[in-house]
Amino acid sequence: MPQYSLKDQLSVTSIGEESVLLDVSSGQYFGLNELGTKIIEGLMQSLSLDDILLGIVQEFDVDMDQARVDAENLLSELETAGLVFAVPSVESE
């Protein structure tokens, strides 16, 4: 699974346990639930997706497979919307 990074001109606002992503350049916004917020917070801290998922599994009543499916679906939606982009992973030689 690739790593992801947030678009540069993206504003993130937390509202309780949820958050809203705003693309400052286009005015497009995207609402996130608590799990989505945890994923975005992890990306903002430059955590790997695996580390983000481990934190979600430990904090919420969800197994790793379901957390991964949910994360992949969310990140795919955000990538299609242009709010995040995949970063090729660097393989050690």
Protein backbone atom coordinates (compact mmCIF):
# COMPACT_ATOMS: atom_id res chain seq x y z
CA MET A 1 0.00 0.00 0.00
CA PRO A 2 1.44 3.41 -0.93
CA GLN A 3 2.02 6.16 1.57
CA TYR A 4 -0.03 9.33 1.29
CA SER A 5 0.57 13.01 1.81
CA LEU A 6 -1.83 15.92 2.14
CA LYS A 7 -2.14 18.56 -0.57
CA ASP A 8 -0.15 21.71 0.29
CA GLN A 9 -3.09 24.14 0.19
CA LEU A 10 -5.26 22.08 2.52
CA SER A 11 -6.73 23.41 5.74
CA VAL A 12 -7.83 20.95 8.42
CA THR A 13 -10.34 22.04 11.06
CA SER A 14 -11.37 19.82 13.96
CA ILE A 15 -14.95 19.94 15.21
CA GLY A 16 -15.13 17.72 18.26
CA GLU A 17 -14.12 14.21 17.20
CA GLU A 18 -14.69 14.99 13.52
CA SER A 19 -12.92 17.28 11.07
CA VAL A 20 -13.33 19.13 7.81
CA LEU A 21 -10.71 19.32 5.06
CA LEU A 22 -10.80 22.50 2.97
CA ASP A 23 -8.90 22.91 -0.28
CA VAL A 24 -8.05 26.60 0.01
CA SER A 25 -7.35 26.96 -3.72
CA SER A 26 -10.68 25.53 -4.94
CA GLY A 27 -13.02 25.96 -1.96
CA GLN A 28 -13.79 22.23 -2.05
CA TYR A 29 -14.37 20.65 1.36
CA PHE A 30 -14.68 17.13 2.70
CA GLY A 31 -16.13 16.07 6.07
CA LEU A 32 -14.50 13.27 8.07
CA ASN A 33 -15.77 11.09 10.90
CA GLU A 34 -13.62 10.17 13.90
CA LEU A 35 -11.70 7.39 12.12
CA GLY A 36 -11.07 9.58 9.08
CA THR A 37 -9.83 12.31 11.38
CA LYS A 38 -7.34 9.90 12.98
CA ILE A 39 -6.03 8.97 9.53
CA ILE A 40 -5.55 12.62 8.53
CA GLU A 41 -3.91 13.46 11.88
CA GLY A 42 -1.48 10.59 11.32
CA LEU A 43 -0.65 11.82 7.81
CA MET A 44 -0.06 15.32 9.23
CA GLN A 45 2.46 13.75 11.64
CA SER A 46 4.16 11.94 8.72
CA LEU A 47 3.28 8.54 10.19
CA SER A 48 3.24 5.52 7.91
CA LEU A 49 -0.19 4.16 7.08
CA ASP A 50 0.66 0.96 8.96
CA ASP A 51 1.45 2.97 12.10
CA ILE A 52 -1.78 4.95 11.71
CA LEU A 53 -3.76 1.72 11.37
CA LEU A 54 -2.08 0.21 14.45
CA GLY A 55 -3.18 3.23 16.46
CA ILE A 56 -6.74 2.95 15.16
CA VAL A 57 -6.91 -0.77 15.98
CA GLN A 58 -5.65 -0.09 19.51
CA GLU A 59 -8.05 2.83 20.11
CA PHE A 60 -11.23 1.57 18.45
CA ASP A 61 -13.10 -1.71 18.37
CA VAL A 62 -12.02 -2.67 14.84
CA ASP A 63 -9.71 -5.34 13.45
CA MET A 64 -6.72 -4.60 11.22
CA ASP A 65 -8.35 -5.92 8.04
CA GLN A 66 -11.42 -3.72 8.46
CA ALA A 67 -9.30 -0.70 9.40
CA ARG A 68 -7.19 -1.20 6.26
CA VAL A 69 -10.26 -1.50 3.99
CA ASP A 70 -11.81 1.63 5.52
CA ALA A 71 -8.54 3.56 5.18
CA GLU A 72 -8.05 2.47 1.57
CA ASN A 73 -11.60 3.54 0.70
CA LEU A 74 -11.21 6.93 2.37
CA LEU A 75 -7.79 7.62 0.86
CA SER A 76 -9.06 6.63 -2.58
CA GLU A 77 -11.94 9.13 -2.24
CA LEU A 78 -9.59 11.87 -1.02
CA GLU A 79 -7.11 11.14 -3.82
CA THR A 80 -9.89 11.33 -6.43
CA ALA A 81 -10.94 14.67 -4.90
CA GLY A 82 -7.32 15.89 -5.14
CA LEU A 83 -6.95 16.39 -1.38
CA VAL A 84 -4.23 13.77 -0.86
CA PHE A 85 -1.72 12.15 -3.17
CA ALA A 86 0.15 8.88 -3.12
CA VAL A 87 3.87 9.05 -2.43
CA PRO A 88 5.92 6.19 -3.89
CA SER A 89 7.56 4.18 -1.13
CA VAL A 90 11.33 4.02 -1.15
CA GLU A 91 12.52 0.43 -1.16
CA SER A 92 15.90 -0.25 0.42
CA GLU A 93 18.41 -1.83 -1.92
